[in-house]
Amino acid sequence: MGFQDDWVMRQIEMMARFVANVVFGKKEGEVQYEIVGDINDTASLTHEDMLHMELMRLIKEGDLCTAEDMLFDNMVYSDKYIELATDFYQKLNALTDEQLEAGDFSRDEVYEGYLEIMSLLGVPVDVFGQADRFEYQ
C-alpha cells in the first residue's frame, strides 16, 4: 500500500469518526449498522435492514460496484440510512487493495463515494475541503 492509499484510508476513517461523533453522539469507535427487525422474520425487517443484508452479501461476493450502485439507488433521508452508508464504506475501506481491485474498485472510489453520499444525505463530512485537493496521481 502506497502513501496515497494510506492517506485515503485515514481520511475515510476520520470522516466515519466525525459521523459517529456528530450524528450519533458516539465518543469513539466505528458506526456499525444494527438491524432493527428480526432476521428470522423478513416481515419485521426495515428497508434499510434488507438493503444492509444484500450489501453485505455483495461485498462478500466481491461485487462492489453493484453494491455501491444499490446503496445510491435505494437512498432514503434518515439517520438509519446514514448509519447504513457509513457502515458500508467502512467495510469497503477495511478491504485490502487487492480485494478492492478484484471488485473493480479503488480506494479513491471508496473515498469519493462516501463523500458523495454523505453530501446527498446532508452530512458535511468534508469539513476541511479535502475533496478539492484530492486530484493527484
N, C-alpha and C. Protein backbone atom coordinates (compact mmCIF):
# COMPACT_ATOMS: atom_id res chain seq x y z
N MET A 1 0.85 -1.18 0.00
CA MET A 1 0.00 0.00 0.00
C MET A 1 0.89 1.23 0.00
N GLY A 2 0.60 2.12 -0.92
CA GLY A 2 1.39 3.32 -1.05
C GLY A 2 0.91 4.42 -0.14
N PHE A 3 1.65 5.51 -0.16
CA PHE A 3 1.33 6.66 0.69
C PHE A 3 -0.07 7.18 0.40
N GLN A 4 -0.43 7.30 -0.90
CA GLN A 4 -1.74 7.83 -1.26
C GLN A 4 -2.85 6.97 -0.68
N ASP A 5 -2.74 5.65 -0.82
CA ASP A 5 -3.78 4.77 -0.30
C ASP A 5 -3.88 4.85 1.22
N ASP A 6 -2.75 4.96 1.88
CA ASP A 6 -2.74 5.10 3.34
C ASP A 6 -3.42 6.40 3.75
N TRP A 7 -3.13 7.47 3.03
CA TRP A 7 -3.75 8.77 3.32
C TRP A 7 -5.26 8.69 3.12
N VAL A 8 -5.69 8.07 2.02
CA VAL A 8 -7.11 7.95 1.72
C VAL A 8 -7.80 7.12 2.79
N MET A 9 -7.19 6.02 3.21
CA MET A 9 -7.78 5.19 4.27
C MET A 9 -7.99 6.00 5.54
N ARG A 10 -7.00 6.79 5.91
CA ARG A 10 -7.11 7.61 7.13
C ARG A 10 -8.20 8.66 6.99
N GLN A 11 -8.34 9.25 5.81
CA GLN A 11 -9.39 10.24 5.59
C GLN A 11 -10.78 9.62 5.76
N ILE A 12 -10.96 8.43 5.21
CA ILE A 12 -12.24 7.74 5.34
C ILE A 12 -12.52 7.42 6.80
N GLU A 13 -11.51 6.96 7.52
CA GLU A 13 -11.67 6.66 8.94
C GLU A 13 -12.03 7.92 9.73
N MET A 14 -11.38 9.04 9.39
CA MET A 14 -11.68 10.30 10.09
C MET A 14 -13.10 10.77 9.80
N MET A 15 -13.55 10.63 8.56
CA MET A 15 -14.92 11.02 8.23
C MET A 15 -15.92 10.15 8.98
N ALA A 16 -15.64 8.85 9.07
CA ALA A 16 -16.55 7.95 9.78
C ALA A 16 -16.58 8.29 11.27
N ARG A 17 -15.45 8.65 11.85
CA ARG A 17 -15.42 9.07 13.26
C ARG A 17 -16.19 10.36 13.46
N PHE A 18 -16.08 11.27 12.49
CA PHE A 18 -16.84 12.51 12.54
C PHE A 18 -18.33 12.21 12.56
N VAL A 19 -18.80 11.34 11.67
CA VAL A 19 -20.21 10.96 11.62
C VAL A 19 -20.62 10.29 12.94
N ALA A 20 -19.78 9.40 13.44
CA ALA A 20 -20.09 8.71 14.70
C ALA A 20 -20.28 9.73 15.82
N ASN A 21 -19.42 10.72 15.87
CA ASN A 21 -19.47 11.70 16.95
C ASN A 21 -20.59 12.72 16.76
N VAL A 22 -20.64 13.34 15.59
CA VAL A 22 -21.58 14.45 15.37
C VAL A 22 -23.01 13.97 15.16
N VAL A 23 -23.19 12.93 14.35
CA VAL A 23 -24.54 12.48 14.04
C VAL A 23 -25.10 11.57 15.12
N PHE A 24 -24.25 10.65 15.62
CA PHE A 24 -24.74 9.64 16.54
C PHE A 24 -24.29 9.81 17.99
N GLY A 25 -23.49 10.84 18.27
CA GLY A 25 -23.08 11.13 19.63
C GLY A 25 -22.15 10.10 20.25
N LYS A 26 -21.48 9.31 19.42
CA LYS A 26 -20.53 8.33 19.93
C LYS A 26 -19.18 8.99 20.09
N LYS A 27 -18.56 8.78 21.22
CA LYS A 27 -17.28 9.44 21.50
C LYS A 27 -16.14 8.84 20.69
N GLU A 28 -16.19 7.54 20.44
CA GLU A 28 -15.14 6.91 19.65
C GLU A 28 -15.68 5.66 19.00
N GLY A 29 -14.89 5.11 18.14
CA GLY A 29 -15.29 3.87 17.50
C GLY A 29 -15.97 4.08 16.17
N GLU A 30 -16.33 2.96 15.60
CA GLU A 30 -16.95 2.95 14.29
C GLU A 30 -18.46 3.01 14.39
N VAL A 31 -19.06 3.35 13.29
CA VAL A 31 -20.51 3.25 13.16
C VAL A 31 -20.78 1.86 12.61
N GLN A 32 -21.55 1.09 13.32
CA GLN A 32 -21.93 -0.23 12.84
C GLN A 32 -23.43 -0.27 12.68
N TYR A 33 -23.86 -0.72 11.52
CA TYR A 33 -25.29 -0.81 11.28
C TYR A 33 -25.88 -1.90 12.17
N GLU A 34 -26.96 -1.55 12.85
CA GLU A 34 -27.65 -2.52 13.69
C GLU A 34 -29.03 -2.80 13.09
N ILE A 35 -29.28 -4.07 12.82
CA ILE A 35 -30.57 -4.47 12.24
C ILE A 35 -31.66 -4.24 13.28
N VAL A 36 -32.73 -3.57 12.85
CA VAL A 36 -33.84 -3.23 13.72
C VAL A 36 -34.78 -4.42 13.89
N GLY A 37 -35.09 -5.09 12.79
CA GLY A 37 -36.04 -6.19 12.83
C GLY A 37 -35.41 -7.51 13.22
N ASP A 38 -36.19 -8.55 13.11
CA ASP A 38 -35.76 -9.92 13.41
C ASP A 38 -35.35 -10.57 12.10
N ILE A 39 -34.08 -10.96 11.98
CA ILE A 39 -33.60 -11.53 10.71
C ILE A 39 -34.31 -12.83 10.35
N ASN A 40 -34.95 -13.45 11.30
CA ASN A 40 -35.70 -14.68 11.02
C ASN A 40 -37.13 -14.39 10.58
N ASP A 41 -37.54 -13.14 10.64
CA ASP A 41 -38.89 -12.74 10.25
C ASP A 41 -38.77 -11.57 9.28
N THR A 42 -38.73 -11.87 7.99
CA THR A 42 -38.50 -10.83 6.99
C THR A 42 -39.55 -9.73 7.02
N ALA A 43 -40.75 -10.04 7.48
CA ALA A 43 -41.80 -9.03 7.56
C ALA A 43 -41.45 -7.94 8.57
N SER A 44 -40.60 -8.25 9.54
CA SER A 44 -40.24 -7.28 10.56
C SER A 44 -39.03 -6.43 10.18
N LEU A 45 -38.39 -6.77 9.06
CA LEU A 45 -37.19 -6.05 8.64
C LEU A 45 -37.55 -4.75 7.93
N THR A 46 -36.77 -3.72 8.22
CA THR A 46 -36.97 -2.43 7.56
C THR A 46 -36.32 -2.45 6.18
N HIS A 47 -36.62 -1.43 5.40
CA HIS A 47 -35.98 -1.24 4.10
C HIS A 47 -34.46 -1.26 4.25
N GLU A 48 -33.97 -0.54 5.25
CA GLU A 48 -32.53 -0.46 5.49
C GLU A 48 -31.96 -1.80 5.91
N ASP A 49 -32.71 -2.56 6.73
CA ASP A 49 -32.24 -3.90 7.15
C ASP A 49 -32.04 -4.80 5.94
N MET A 50 -33.04 -4.84 5.08
CA MET A 50 -32.98 -5.69 3.89
C MET A 50 -31.82 -5.26 2.98
N LEU A 51 -31.67 -3.96 2.81
CA LEU A 51 -30.60 -3.44 1.98
C LEU A 51 -29.24 -3.77 2.59
N HIS A 52 -29.11 -3.63 3.89
CA HIS A 52 -27.85 -3.94 4.56
C HIS A 52 -27.46 -5.39 4.32
N MET A 53 -28.40 -6.30 4.47
CA MET A 53 -28.10 -7.71 4.27
C MET A 53 -27.66 -7.98 2.82
N GLU A 54 -28.31 -7.33 1.88
CA GLU A 54 -27.95 -7.50 0.47
C GLU A 54 -26.58 -6.89 0.18
N LEU A 55 -26.29 -5.73 0.74
CA LEU A 55 -24.98 -5.10 0.55
C LEU A 55 -23.86 -5.96 1.12
N MET A 56 -24.08 -6.53 2.29
CA MET A 56 -23.05 -7.38 2.90
C MET A 56 -22.81 -8.63 2.05
N ARG A 57 -23.88 -9.16 1.46
CA ARG A 57 -23.74 -10.33 0.58
C ARG A 57 -22.91 -9.94 -0.65
N LEU A 58 -23.21 -8.80 -1.25
CA LEU A 58 -22.48 -8.37 -2.43
C LEU A 58 -21.01 -8.08 -2.12
N ILE A 59 -20.73 -7.49 -0.97
CA ILE A 59 -19.34 -7.26 -0.58
C ILE A 59 -18.62 -8.59 -0.43
N LYS A 60 -19.26 -9.52 0.23
CA LYS A 60 -18.66 -10.85 0.43
C LYS A 60 -18.36 -11.53 -0.91
N GLU A 61 -19.24 -11.33 -1.88
CA GLU A 61 -19.05 -11.92 -3.21
C GLU A 61 -18.09 -11.11 -4.07
N GLY A 62 -17.69 -9.92 -3.61
CA GLY A 62 -16.77 -9.08 -4.36
C GLY A 62 -17.42 -8.25 -5.44
N ASP A 63 -18.74 -8.14 -5.42
CA ASP A 63 -19.47 -7.35 -6.41
C ASP A 63 -19.67 -5.93 -5.88
N LEU A 64 -18.57 -5.21 -5.76
CA LEU A 64 -18.56 -3.92 -5.08
C LEU A 64 -19.26 -2.82 -5.86
N CYS A 65 -19.12 -2.82 -7.17
CA CYS A 65 -19.78 -1.78 -7.98
C CYS A 65 -21.29 -1.90 -7.89
N THR A 66 -21.80 -3.13 -7.98
CA THR A 66 -23.24 -3.35 -7.86
C THR A 66 -23.72 -2.92 -6.48
N ALA A 67 -22.93 -3.23 -5.46
CA ALA A 67 -23.30 -2.86 -4.09
C ALA A 67 -23.40 -1.35 -3.95
N GLU A 68 -22.41 -0.63 -4.46
CA GLU A 68 -22.45 0.83 -4.33
C GLU A 68 -23.61 1.42 -5.12
N ASP A 69 -23.84 0.89 -6.32
CA ASP A 69 -24.99 1.37 -7.11
C ASP A 69 -26.29 1.16 -6.34
N MET A 70 -26.42 0.01 -5.70
CA MET A 70 -27.62 -0.31 -4.94
C MET A 70 -27.78 0.65 -3.76
N LEU A 71 -26.67 0.99 -3.11
CA LEU A 71 -26.71 1.93 -2.00
C LEU A 71 -27.27 3.29 -2.44
N PHE A 72 -26.78 3.79 -3.57
CA PHE A 72 -27.25 5.08 -4.08
C PHE A 72 -28.69 5.01 -4.60
N ASP A 73 -29.01 3.91 -5.28
CA ASP A 73 -30.35 3.77 -5.87
C ASP A 73 -31.46 3.66 -4.83
N ASN A 74 -31.13 3.19 -3.65
CA ASN A 74 -32.14 2.96 -2.61
C ASN A 74 -32.09 3.98 -1.49
N MET A 75 -31.41 5.09 -1.71
CA MET A 75 -31.19 6.07 -0.66
C MET A 75 -32.50 6.69 -0.16
N VAL A 76 -32.59 6.76 1.16
CA VAL A 76 -33.67 7.49 1.82
C VAL A 76 -33.00 8.42 2.83
N TYR A 77 -33.65 9.53 3.13
CA TYR A 77 -33.06 10.52 4.01
C TYR A 77 -33.44 10.24 5.45
N SER A 78 -32.53 9.53 6.15
CA SER A 78 -32.78 9.20 7.55
C SER A 78 -31.45 8.96 8.25
N ASP A 79 -31.47 9.06 9.57
CA ASP A 79 -30.28 8.73 10.35
C ASP A 79 -29.89 7.27 10.16
N LYS A 80 -30.88 6.41 10.02
CA LYS A 80 -30.60 4.98 9.84
C LYS A 80 -29.87 4.75 8.52
N TYR A 81 -30.20 5.52 7.49
CA TYR A 81 -29.51 5.37 6.21
C TYR A 81 -28.09 5.93 6.29
N ILE A 82 -27.89 6.98 7.06
CA ILE A 82 -26.54 7.50 7.28
C ILE A 82 -25.70 6.42 7.97
N GLU A 83 -26.31 5.75 8.94
CA GLU A 83 -25.63 4.65 9.63
C GLU A 83 -25.29 3.53 8.64
N LEU A 84 -26.23 3.18 7.79
CA LEU A 84 -26.03 2.14 6.79
C LEU A 84 -24.91 2.51 5.83
N ALA A 85 -24.94 3.72 5.29
CA ALA A 85 -23.93 4.15 4.33
C ALA A 85 -22.55 4.22 4.97
N THR A 86 -22.48 4.71 6.19
CA THR A 86 -21.18 4.79 6.87
C THR A 86 -20.62 3.40 7.13
N ASP A 87 -21.47 2.49 7.59
CA ASP A 87 -21.04 1.11 7.80
C ASP A 87 -20.55 0.50 6.49
N PHE A 88 -21.28 0.73 5.41
CA PHE A 88 -20.91 0.20 4.09
C PHE A 88 -19.51 0.67 3.69
N TYR A 89 -19.26 1.98 3.77
CA TYR A 89 -17.96 2.49 3.34
C TYR A 89 -16.84 2.11 4.30
N GLN A 90 -17.13 1.94 5.57
CA GLN A 90 -16.11 1.43 6.49
C GLN A 90 -15.74 0.00 6.11
N LYS A 91 -16.73 -0.80 5.72
CA LYS A 91 -16.44 -2.18 5.31
C LYS A 91 -15.60 -2.20 4.03
N LEU A 92 -15.93 -1.33 3.08
CA LEU A 92 -15.10 -1.25 1.88
C LEU A 92 -13.69 -0.79 2.22
N ASN A 93 -13.58 0.18 3.09
CA ASN A 93 -12.27 0.71 3.47
C ASN A 93 -11.41 -0.35 4.16
N ALA A 94 -12.05 -1.30 4.82
CA ALA A 94 -11.31 -2.35 5.52
C ALA A 94 -10.79 -3.43 4.56
N LEU A 95 -11.29 -3.45 3.33
CA LEU A 95 -10.80 -4.42 2.36
C LEU A 95 -9.38 -4.08 1.95
N THR A 96 -8.63 -5.08 1.54
CA THR A 96 -7.28 -4.84 1.03
C THR A 96 -7.37 -4.21 -0.35
N ASP A 97 -6.27 -3.63 -0.79
CA ASP A 97 -6.23 -3.06 -2.13
C ASP A 97 -6.50 -4.15 -3.17
N GLU A 98 -6.02 -5.35 -2.92
CA GLU A 98 -6.23 -6.46 -3.83
C GLU A 98 -7.71 -6.84 -3.91
N GLN A 99 -8.39 -6.86 -2.77
CA GLN A 99 -9.82 -7.17 -2.76
C GLN A 99 -10.61 -6.09 -3.49
N LEU A 100 -10.25 -4.83 -3.27
CA LEU A 100 -10.92 -3.74 -3.98
C LEU A 100 -10.70 -3.87 -5.48
N GLU A 101 -9.47 -4.12 -5.87
CA GLU A 101 -9.14 -4.25 -7.29
C GLU A 101 -9.89 -5.42 -7.92
N ALA A 102 -9.99 -6.53 -7.20
CA ALA A 102 -10.72 -7.70 -7.71
C ALA A 102 -12.20 -7.36 -7.91
N GLY A 103 -12.72 -6.42 -7.11
CA GLY A 103 -14.10 -5.98 -7.24
C GLY A 103 -14.24 -4.79 -8.17
N ASP A 104 -13.17 -4.52 -8.96
CA ASP A 104 -13.16 -3.40 -9.91
C ASP A 104 -13.45 -2.07 -9.21
N PHE A 105 -12.78 -1.88 -8.07
CA PHE A 105 -12.98 -0.71 -7.24
C PHE A 105 -11.61 -0.23 -6.79
N SER A 106 -11.54 1.02 -6.38
CA SER A 106 -10.27 1.55 -5.86
C SER A 106 -10.52 2.25 -4.52
N ARG A 107 -9.46 2.48 -3.80
CA ARG A 107 -9.55 3.21 -2.54
C ARG A 107 -10.08 4.62 -2.79
N ASP A 108 -9.65 5.23 -3.89
CA ASP A 108 -10.14 6.56 -4.25
C ASP A 108 -11.65 6.56 -4.44
N GLU A 109 -12.19 5.50 -5.06
CA GLU A 109 -13.64 5.40 -5.27
C GLU A 109 -14.39 5.24 -3.94
N VAL A 110 -13.77 4.58 -2.98
CA VAL A 110 -14.38 4.47 -1.65
C VAL A 110 -14.49 5.86 -1.05
N TYR A 111 -13.42 6.60 -1.10
CA TYR A 111 -13.38 7.97 -0.57
C TYR A 111 -14.41 8.86 -1.27
N GLU A 112 -14.38 8.86 -2.58
CA GLU A 112 -15.28 9.73 -3.35
C GLU A 112 -16.75 9.35 -3.16
N GLY A 113 -17.02 8.04 -3.11
CA GLY A 113 -18.40 7.59 -2.91
C GLY A 113 -18.93 7.99 -1.55
N TYR A 114 -18.08 7.86 -0.54
CA TYR A 114 -18.51 8.23 0.82
C TYR A 114 -18.78 9.73 0.91
N LEU A 115 -17.89 10.53 0.32
CA LEU A 115 -18.12 11.98 0.29
C LEU A 115 -19.43 12.31 -0.41
N GLU A 116 -19.66 11.66 -1.54
CA GLU A 116 -20.85 11.98 -2.33
C GLU A 116 -22.14 11.61 -1.60
N ILE A 117 -22.20 10.41 -1.04
CA ILE A 117 -23.46 10.01 -0.41
C ILE A 117 -23.71 10.82 0.86
N MET A 118 -22.67 11.13 1.60
CA MET A 118 -22.87 11.95 2.80
C MET A 118 -23.34 13.35 2.41
N SER A 119 -22.81 13.88 1.33
CA SER A 119 -23.26 15.19 0.84
C SER A 119 -24.73 15.14 0.45
N LEU A 120 -25.13 14.08 -0.26
CA LEU A 120 -26.53 13.93 -0.65
C LEU A 120 -27.45 13.78 0.56
N LEU A 121 -26.93 13.16 1.62
CA LEU A 121 -27.71 12.96 2.84
C LEU A 121 -27.65 14.17 3.78
N GLY A 122 -26.89 15.20 3.38
CA GLY A 122 -26.83 16.43 4.17
C GLY A 122 -25.86 16.38 5.33
N VAL A 123 -24.87 15.49 5.26
CA VAL A 123 -23.86 15.38 6.32
C VAL A 123 -22.54 15.92 5.76
N PRO A 124 -22.07 17.06 6.27
CA PRO A 124 -20.87 17.69 5.72
C PRO A 124 -19.58 17.05 6.24
N VAL A 125 -19.23 15.87 5.72
CA VAL A 125 -18.02 15.19 6.22
C VAL A 125 -16.75 15.81 5.69
N ASP A 126 -16.83 16.58 4.62
CA ASP A 126 -15.64 17.21 4.05
C ASP A 126 -15.44 18.59 4.68
N VAL A 127 -15.35 18.62 6.01
CA VAL A 127 -15.31 19.88 6.74
C VAL A 127 -14.05 20.71 6.47
N PHE A 128 -12.98 20.06 6.00
CA PHE A 128 -11.74 20.80 5.74
C PHE A 128 -11.48 20.99 4.25
N GLY A 129 -12.46 20.65 3.40
CA GLY A 129 -12.31 20.86 1.97
C GLY A 129 -11.27 19.98 1.31
N GLN A 130 -11.02 18.81 1.87
CA GLN A 130 -10.01 17.91 1.33
C GLN A 130 -10.37 17.38 -0.05
N ALA A 131 -11.64 17.26 -0.36
CA ALA A 131 -12.04 16.71 -1.66
C ALA A 131 -11.49 17.56 -2.80
N ASP A 132 -11.39 18.88 -2.61
CA ASP A 132 -10.86 19.75 -3.66
C ASP A 132 -9.38 19.51 -3.90
N ARG A 133 -8.68 18.98 -2.93
CA ARG A 133 -7.24 18.77 -3.04
C ARG A 133 -6.91 17.34 -3.42
N PHE A 134 -7.89 16.55 -3.71
CA PHE A 134 -7.72 15.12 -3.88
C PHE A 134 -7.18 14.73 -5.24
N GLU A 135 -7.16 15.62 -6.18
CA GLU A 135 -6.80 15.28 -7.55
C GLU A 135 -5.28 15.24 -7.73
N TYR A 136 -4.68 14.12 -7.40
CA TYR A 136 -3.27 13.87 -7.69
C TYR A 136 -3.13 12.40 -8.00
N GLN A 137 -2.16 12.08 -8.75
CA GLN A 137 -1.96 10.67 -9.18
C GLN A 137 -0.66 10.13 -8.62
